[in-house]
Amino acid sequence: MIGFQSLSTVFIMPLPKWSSMTDESQAMFKKAGVGVGVGLVIVWIALGFVKAILPLVVLGAVGYVAWRVLNKQ
């Protein structure tokens, strides 16, 4: 989990006052926030699958190479 600690760092940019923004700007901001949130959830789920499947792929590849080496004899 050491490699994923950098994901917890959030860069916060100063935002204009919400009340001074136009309705269109507020809608764009909300839409972008939802898009980023959904994207982060998708990446988080994908990383979970990779973390679960990667050891099986490595084990399968090692087994295949061992099988090929042992069957050459």
PDB file of N, CA and C in Angstrom:
ATOM      1  N   MET A   1       0.818  -1.186   0.000  1.00  0.00           N
ATOM      2  CA  MET A   1       0.000   0.000   0.000  1.00  0.00           C
ATOM      3  C   MET A   1       0.866   1.255   0.000  1.00  0.00           C
ATOM      4  N   ILE A   2       2.169   1.102   0.038  1.00  0.00           N
ATOM      5  CA  ILE A   2       3.059   2.248   0.108  1.00  0.00           C
ATOM      6  C   ILE A   2       2.947   3.089  -1.163  1.00  0.00           C
ATOM      7  N   GLY A   3       2.824   2.447  -2.309  1.00  0.00           N
ATOM      8  CA  GLY A   3       2.769   3.178  -3.562  1.00  0.00           C
ATOM      9  C   GLY A   3       1.520   4.017  -3.734  1.00  0.00           C
ATOM     10  N   PHE A   4       0.463   3.710  -3.018  1.00  0.00           N
ATOM     11  CA  PHE A   4      -0.794   4.412  -3.181  1.00  0.00           C
ATOM     12  C   PHE A   4      -0.969   5.559  -2.191  1.00  0.00           C
ATOM     13  N   GLN A   5       0.015   5.826  -1.348  1.00  0.00           N
ATOM     14  CA  GLN A   5      -0.119   6.902  -0.379  1.00  0.00           C
ATOM     15  C   GLN A   5      -0.180   8.258  -1.060  1.00  0.00           C
ATOM     16  N   SER A   6       0.430   8.398  -2.217  1.00  0.00           N
ATOM     17  CA  SER A   6       0.410   9.691  -2.900  1.00  0.00           C
ATOM     18  C   SER A   6      -0.986  10.031  -3.401  1.00  0.00           C
ATOM     19  N   LEU A   7      -1.888   9.022  -3.544  1.00  0.00           N
ATOM     20  CA  LEU A   7      -3.243   9.300  -3.979  1.00  0.00           C
ATOM     21  C   LEU A   7      -4.027  10.063  -2.921  1.00  0.00           C
ATOM     22  N   SER A   8      -3.611   9.972  -1.666  1.00  0.00           N
ATOM     23  CA  SER A   8      -4.348  10.648  -0.610  1.00  0.00           C
ATOM     24  C   SER A   8      -4.018  12.139  -0.548  1.00  0.00           C
ATOM     25  N   THR A   9      -2.983  12.572  -1.258  1.00  0.00           N
ATOM     26  CA  THR A   9      -2.629  13.982  -1.279  1.00  0.00           C
ATOM     27  C   THR A   9      -3.553  14.700  -2.251  1.00  0.00           C
ATOM     28  N   VAL A  10      -4.193  15.762  -1.771  1.00  0.00           N
ATOM     29  CA  VAL A  10      -5.124  16.513  -2.606  1.00  0.00           C
ATOM     30  C   VAL A  10      -4.593  17.931  -2.755  1.00  0.00           C
ATOM     31  N   PHE A  11      -4.535  18.383  -3.991  1.00  0.00           N
ATOM     32  CA  PHE A  11      -4.108  19.740  -4.258  1.00  0.00           C
ATOM     33  C   PHE A  11      -5.348  20.622  -4.340  1.00  0.00           C
ATOM     34  N   ILE A  12      -5.474  21.577  -3.442  1.00  0.00           N
ATOM     35  CA  ILE A  12      -6.643  22.426  -3.384  1.00  0.00           C
ATOM     36  C   ILE A  12      -6.292  23.789  -3.974  1.00  0.00           C
ATOM     37  N   MET A  13      -7.070  24.185  -4.975  1.00  0.00           N
ATOM     38  CA  MET A  13      -6.876  25.486  -5.586  1.00  0.00           C
ATOM     39  C   MET A  13      -7.883  26.464  -4.991  1.00  0.00           C
ATOM     40  N   PRO A  14      -7.513  27.727  -4.845  1.00  0.00           N
ATOM     41  CA  PRO A  14      -8.479  28.695  -4.338  1.00  0.00           C
ATOM     42  C   PRO A  14      -9.631  28.861  -5.314  1.00  0.00           C
ATOM     43  N   LEU A  15     -10.835  28.874  -4.804  1.00  0.00           N
ATOM     44  CA  LEU A  15     -12.031  28.979  -5.631  1.00  0.00           C
ATOM     45  C   LEU A  15     -12.677  30.344  -5.436  1.00  0.00           C
ATOM     46  N   PRO A  16     -13.336  30.849  -6.482  1.00  0.00           N
ATOM     47  CA  PRO A  16     -14.064  32.107  -6.304  1.00  0.00           C
ATOM     48  C   PRO A  16     -15.277  31.884  -5.404  1.00  0.00           C
ATOM     49  N   LYS A  17     -15.795  32.972  -4.854  1.00  0.00           N
ATOM     50  CA  LYS A  17     -16.972  32.846  -3.999  1.00  0.00           C
ATOM     51  C   LYS A  17     -18.118  32.263  -4.809  1.00  0.00           C
ATOM     52  N   TRP A  18     -18.786  31.294  -4.223  1.00  0.00           N
ATOM     53  CA  TRP A  18     -19.869  30.590  -4.912  1.00  0.00           C
ATOM     54  C   TRP A  18     -20.977  31.563  -5.301  1.00  0.00           C
ATOM     55  N   SER A  19     -21.260  32.519  -4.438  1.00  0.00           N
ATOM     56  CA  SER A  19     -22.359  33.452  -4.709  1.00  0.00           C
ATOM     57  C   SER A  19     -22.048  34.409  -5.849  1.00  0.00           C
ATOM     58  N   SER A  20     -20.764  34.638  -6.142  1.00  0.00           N
ATOM     59  CA  SER A  20     -20.416  35.551  -7.225  1.00  0.00           C
ATOM     60  C   SER A  20     -20.317  34.842  -8.570  1.00  0.00           C
ATOM     61  N   MET A  21     -20.424  33.523  -8.581  1.00  0.00           N
ATOM     62  CA  MET A  21     -20.345  32.777  -9.829  1.00  0.00           C
ATOM     63  C   MET A  21     -21.705  32.756 -10.510  1.00  0.00           C
ATOM     64  N   THR A  22     -21.695  32.732 -11.844  1.00  0.00           N
ATOM     65  CA  THR A  22     -22.948  32.638 -12.582  1.00  0.00           C
ATOM     66  C   THR A  22     -23.514  31.237 -12.439  1.00  0.00           C
ATOM     67  N   ASP A  23     -24.792  31.088 -12.763  1.00  0.00           N
ATOM     68  CA  ASP A  23     -25.425  29.772 -12.691  1.00  0.00           C
ATOM     69  C   ASP A  23     -24.736  28.783 -13.629  1.00  0.00           C
ATOM     70  N   GLU A  24     -24.327  29.270 -14.792  1.00  0.00           N
ATOM     71  CA  GLU A  24     -23.649  28.400 -15.751  1.00  0.00           C
ATOM     72  C   GLU A  24     -22.299  27.926 -15.190  1.00  0.00           C
ATOM     73  N   SER A  25     -21.570  28.845 -14.563  1.00  0.00           N
ATOM     74  CA  SER A  25     -20.280  28.477 -13.974  1.00  0.00           C
ATOM     75  C   SER A  25     -20.462  27.471 -12.845  1.00  0.00           C
ATOM     76  N   GLN A  26     -21.495  27.681 -12.029  1.00  0.00           N
ATOM     77  CA  GLN A  26     -21.765  26.740 -10.937  1.00  0.00           C
ATOM     78  C   GLN A  26     -22.108  25.360 -11.487  1.00  0.00           C
ATOM     79  N   ALA A  27     -22.907  25.322 -12.560  1.00  0.00           N
ATOM     80  CA  ALA A  27     -23.273  24.033 -13.163  1.00  0.00           C
ATOM     81  C   ALA A  27     -22.052  23.330 -13.731  1.00  0.00           C
ATOM     82  N   MET A  28     -21.164  24.099 -14.397  1.00  0.00           N
ATOM     83  CA  MET A  28     -19.947  23.503 -14.947  1.00  0.00           C
ATOM     84  C   MET A  28     -19.063  22.959 -13.830  1.00  0.00           C
ATOM     85  N   PHE A  29     -18.961  23.696 -12.755  1.00  0.00           N
ATOM     86  CA  PHE A  29     -18.129  23.277 -11.628  1.00  0.00           C
ATOM     87  C   PHE A  29     -18.678  21.999 -11.000  1.00  0.00           C
ATOM     88  N   LYS A  30     -19.993  21.934 -10.805  1.00  0.00           N
ATOM     89  CA  LYS A  30     -20.609  20.738 -10.230  1.00  0.00           C
ATOM     90  C   LYS A  30     -20.416  19.536 -11.142  1.00  0.00           C
ATOM     91  N   LYS A  31     -20.597  19.753 -12.452  1.00  0.00           N
ATOM     92  CA  LYS A  31     -20.448  18.657 -13.407  1.00  0.00           C
ATOM     93  C   LYS A  31     -19.014  18.129 -13.409  1.00  0.00           C
ATOM     94  N   ALA A  32     -18.037  19.040 -13.357  1.00  0.00           N
ATOM     95  CA  ALA A  32     -16.631  18.624 -13.330  1.00  0.00           C
ATOM     96  C   ALA A  32     -16.326  17.864 -12.043  1.00  0.00           C
ATOM     97  N   GLY A  33     -16.880  18.317 -10.925  1.00  0.00           N
ATOM     98  CA  GLY A  33     -16.653  17.631  -9.649  1.00  0.00           C
ATOM     99  C   GLY A  33     -17.210  16.228  -9.649  1.00  0.00           C
ATOM    100  N   VAL A  34     -18.405  16.061 -10.209  1.00  0.00           N
ATOM    101  CA  VAL A  34     -19.008  14.729 -10.287  1.00  0.00           C
ATOM    102  C   VAL A  34     -18.185  13.838 -11.205  1.00  0.00           C
ATOM    103  N   GLY A  35     -17.712  14.399 -12.327  1.00  0.00           N
ATOM    104  CA  GLY A  35     -16.897  13.619 -13.266  1.00  0.00           C
ATOM    105  C   GLY A  35     -15.602  13.147 -12.638  1.00  0.00           C
ATOM    106  N   VAL A  36     -14.947  14.012 -11.883  1.00  0.00           N
ATOM    107  CA  VAL A  36     -13.709  13.631 -11.205  1.00  0.00           C
ATOM    108  C   VAL A  36     -13.991  12.568 -10.151  1.00  0.00           C
ATOM    109  N   GLY A  37     -15.077  12.731  -9.414  1.00  0.00           N
ATOM    110  CA  GLY A  37     -15.433  11.742  -8.381  1.00  0.00           C
ATOM    111  C   GLY A  37     -15.708  10.374  -8.978  1.00  0.00           C
ATOM    112  N   VAL A  38     -16.476  10.335 -10.060  1.00  0.00           N
ATOM    113  CA  VAL A  38     -16.776   9.058 -10.717  1.00  0.00           C
ATOM    114  C   VAL A  38     -15.500   8.444 -11.274  1.00  0.00           C
ATOM    115  N   GLY A  39     -14.646   9.266 -11.857  1.00  0.00           N
ATOM    116  CA  GLY A  39     -13.379   8.759 -12.393  1.00  0.00           C
ATOM    117  C   GLY A  39     -12.498   8.162 -11.314  1.00  0.00           C
ATOM    118  N   LEU A  40     -12.436   8.812 -10.153  1.00  0.00           N
ATOM    119  CA  LEU A  40     -11.636   8.276  -9.056  1.00  0.00           C
ATOM    120  C   LEU A  40     -12.190   6.947  -8.546  1.00  0.00           C
ATOM    121  N   VAL A  41     -13.500   6.828  -8.495  1.00  0.00           N
ATOM    122  CA  VAL A  41     -14.110   5.560  -8.057  1.00  0.00           C
ATOM    123  C   VAL A  41     -13.793   4.454  -9.057  1.00  0.00           C
ATOM    124  N   ILE A  42     -13.866   4.761 -10.343  1.00  0.00           N
ATOM    125  CA  ILE A  42     -13.561   3.751 -11.365  1.00  0.00           C
ATOM    126  C   ILE A  42     -12.093   3.322 -11.272  1.00  0.00           C
ATOM    127  N   VAL A  43     -11.192   4.274 -11.101  1.00  0.00           N
ATOM    128  CA  VAL A  43      -9.768   3.941 -10.969  1.00  0.00           C
ATOM    129  C   VAL A  43      -9.536   3.115  -9.707  1.00  0.00           C
ATOM    130  N   TRP A  44     -10.196   3.478  -8.611  1.00  0.00           N
ATOM    131  CA  TRP A  44     -10.051   2.734  -7.354  1.00  0.00           C
ATOM    132  C   TRP A  44     -10.508   1.285  -7.520  1.00  0.00           C
ATOM    133  N   ILE A  45     -11.634   1.070  -8.200  1.00  0.00           N
ATOM    134  CA  ILE A  45     -12.134  -0.296  -8.441  1.00  0.00           C
ATOM    135  C   ILE A  45     -11.179  -1.055  -9.356  1.00  0.00           C
ATOM    136  N   ALA A  46     -10.687  -0.393 -10.405  1.00  0.00           N
ATOM    137  CA  ALA A  46      -9.759  -1.046 -11.332  1.00  0.00           C
ATOM    138  C   ALA A  46      -8.475  -1.450 -10.624  1.00  0.00           C
ATOM    139  N   LEU A  47      -7.953  -0.587  -9.758  1.00  0.00           N
ATOM    140  CA  LEU A  47      -6.744  -0.943  -9.006  1.00  0.00           C
ATOM    141  C   LEU A  47      -6.994  -2.129  -8.081  1.00  0.00           C
ATOM    142  N   GLY A  48      -8.191  -2.213  -7.533  1.00  0.00           N
ATOM    143  CA  GLY A  48      -8.536  -3.367  -6.700  1.00  0.00           C
ATOM    144  C   GLY A  48      -8.508  -4.662  -7.500  1.00  0.00           C
ATOM    145  N   PHE A  49      -9.066  -4.616  -8.730  1.00  0.00           N
ATOM    146  CA  PHE A  49      -9.039  -5.805  -9.578  1.00  0.00           C
ATOM    147  C   PHE A  49      -7.624  -6.179  -9.978  1.00  0.00           C
ATOM    148  N   VAL A  50      -6.821  -5.189 -10.330  1.00  0.00           N
ATOM    149  CA  VAL A  50      -5.429  -5.466 -10.712  1.00  0.00           C
ATOM    150  C   VAL A  50      -4.675  -6.067  -9.541  1.00  0.00           C
ATOM    151  N   LYS A  51      -4.896  -5.507  -8.358  1.00  0.00           N
ATOM    152  CA  LYS A  51      -4.213  -6.022  -7.177  1.00  0.00           C
ATOM    153  C   LYS A  51      -4.622  -7.471  -6.887  1.00  0.00           C
ATOM    154  N   ALA A  52      -5.870  -7.814  -7.167  1.00  0.00           N
ATOM    155  CA  ALA A  52      -6.346  -9.170  -6.912  1.00  0.00           C
ATOM    156  C   ALA A  52      -5.895 -10.150  -7.998  1.00  0.00           C
ATOM    157  N   ILE A  53      -5.842  -9.701  -9.247  1.00  0.00           N
ATOM    158  CA  ILE A  53      -5.573 -10.606 -10.363  1.00  0.00           C
ATOM    159  C   ILE A  53      -4.083 -10.747 -10.674  1.00  0.00           C
ATOM    160  N   LEU A  54      -3.299  -9.715 -10.408  1.00  0.00           N
ATOM    161  CA  LEU A  54      -1.879  -9.731 -10.769  1.00  0.00           C
ATOM    162  C   LEU A  54      -1.113 -10.924 -10.200  1.00  0.00           C
ATOM    163  N   PRO A  55      -1.290 -11.293  -8.931  1.00  0.00           N
ATOM    164  CA  PRO A  55      -0.564 -12.480  -8.443  1.00  0.00           C
ATOM    165  C   PRO A  55      -0.944 -13.759  -9.194  1.00  0.00           C
ATOM    166  N   LEU A  56      -2.200 -13.871  -9.600  1.00  0.00           N
ATOM    167  CA  LEU A  56      -2.613 -15.048 -10.363  1.00  0.00           C
ATOM    168  C   LEU A  56      -1.963 -15.064 -11.744  1.00  0.00           C
ATOM    169  N   VAL A  57      -1.837 -13.911 -12.369  1.00  0.00           N
ATOM    170  CA  VAL A  57      -1.192 -13.828 -13.679  1.00  0.00           C
ATOM    171  C   VAL A  57       0.281 -14.196 -13.565  1.00  0.00           C
ATOM    172  N   VAL A  58       0.944 -13.665 -12.553  1.00  0.00           N
ATOM    173  CA  VAL A  58       2.362 -13.980 -12.350  1.00  0.00           C
ATOM    174  C   VAL A  58       2.537 -15.464 -12.058  1.00  0.00           C
ATOM    175  N   LEU A  59       1.703 -16.016 -11.206  1.00  0.00           N
ATOM    176  CA  LEU A  59       1.783 -17.442 -10.881  1.00  0.00           C
ATOM    177  C   LEU A  59       1.539 -18.298 -12.122  1.00  0.00           C
ATOM    178  N   GLY A  60       0.563 -17.903 -12.935  1.00  0.00           N
ATOM    179  CA  GLY A  60       0.292 -18.634 -14.175  1.00  0.00           C
ATOM    180  C   GLY A  60       1.458 -18.570 -15.139  1.00  0.00           C
ATOM    181  N   ALA A  61       2.081 -17.405 -15.270  1.00  0.00           N
ATOM    182  CA  ALA A  61       3.222 -17.267 -16.178  1.00  0.00           C
ATOM    183  C   ALA A  61       4.399 -18.103 -15.695  1.00  0.00           C
ATOM    184  N   VAL A  62       4.673 -18.086 -14.397  1.00  0.00           N
ATOM    185  CA  VAL A  62       5.763 -18.900 -13.845  1.00  0.00           C
ATOM    186  C   VAL A  62       5.473 -20.385 -14.056  1.00  0.00           C
ATOM    187  N   GLY A  63       4.227 -20.778 -13.832  1.00  0.00           N
ATOM    188  CA  GLY A  63       3.854 -22.172 -14.052  1.00  0.00           C
ATOM    189  C   GLY A  63       3.996 -22.590 -15.505  1.00  0.00           C
ATOM    190  N   TYR A  64       3.623 -21.711 -16.424  1.00  0.00           N
ATOM    191  CA  TYR A  64       3.744 -22.012 -17.848  1.00  0.00           C
ATOM    192  C   TYR A  64       5.204 -22.163 -18.259  1.00  0.00           C
ATOM    193  N   VAL A  65       6.044 -21.237 -17.794  1.00  0.00           N
ATOM    194  CA  VAL A  65       7.473 -21.320 -18.127  1.00  0.00           C
ATOM    195  C   VAL A  65       8.073 -22.586 -17.540  1.00  0.00           C
ATOM    196  N   ALA A  66       7.723 -22.918 -16.309  1.00  0.00           N
ATOM    197  CA  ALA A  66       8.236 -24.149 -15.697  1.00  0.00           C
ATOM    198  C   ALA A  66       7.773 -25.370 -16.462  1.00  0.00           C
ATOM    199  N   TRP A  67       6.518 -25.386 -16.888  1.00  0.00           N
ATOM    200  CA  TRP A  67       5.980 -26.504 -17.648  1.00  0.00           C
ATOM    201  C   TRP A  67       6.715 -26.664 -18.979  1.00  0.00           C
ATOM    202  N   ARG A  68       6.993 -25.515 -19.675  1.00  0.00           N
ATOM    203  CA  ARG A  68       7.700 -25.582 -20.946  1.00  0.00           C
ATOM    204  C   ARG A  68       9.142 -26.094 -20.749  1.00  0.00           C
ATOM    205  N   VAL A  69       9.789 -25.653 -19.665  1.00  0.00           N
ATOM    206  CA  VAL A  69      11.172 -26.072 -19.419  1.00  0.00           C
ATOM    207  C   VAL A  69      11.212 -27.546 -19.079  1.00  0.00           C
ATOM    208  N   LEU A  70      10.288 -28.003 -18.252  1.00  0.00           N
ATOM    209  CA  LEU A  70      10.305 -29.412 -17.847  1.00  0.00           C
ATOM    210  C   LEU A  70       9.887 -30.349 -18.969  1.00  0.00           C
ATOM    211  N   ASN A  71       9.068 -29.886 -19.925  1.00  0.00           N
ATOM    212  CA  ASN A  71       8.634 -30.743 -21.035  1.00  0.00           C
ATOM    213  C   ASN A  71       9.630 -30.784 -22.186  1.00  0.00           C
ATOM    214  N   LYS A  72      10.658 -29.958 -22.173  1.00  0.00           N
ATOM    215  CA  LYS A  72      11.670 -29.993 -23.228  1.00  0.00           C
ATOM    216  C   LYS A  72      12.508 -31.251 -23.135  1.00  0.00           C
ATOM    217  N   GLN A  73      12.577 -31.830 -21.986  1.00  0.00           N
ATOM    218  CA  GLN A  73      13.465 -33.000 -21.797  1.00  0.00           C
ATOM    219  C   GLN A  73      12.986 -34.201 -22.494  1.00  0.00           C
TER     220      GLN A  73
END
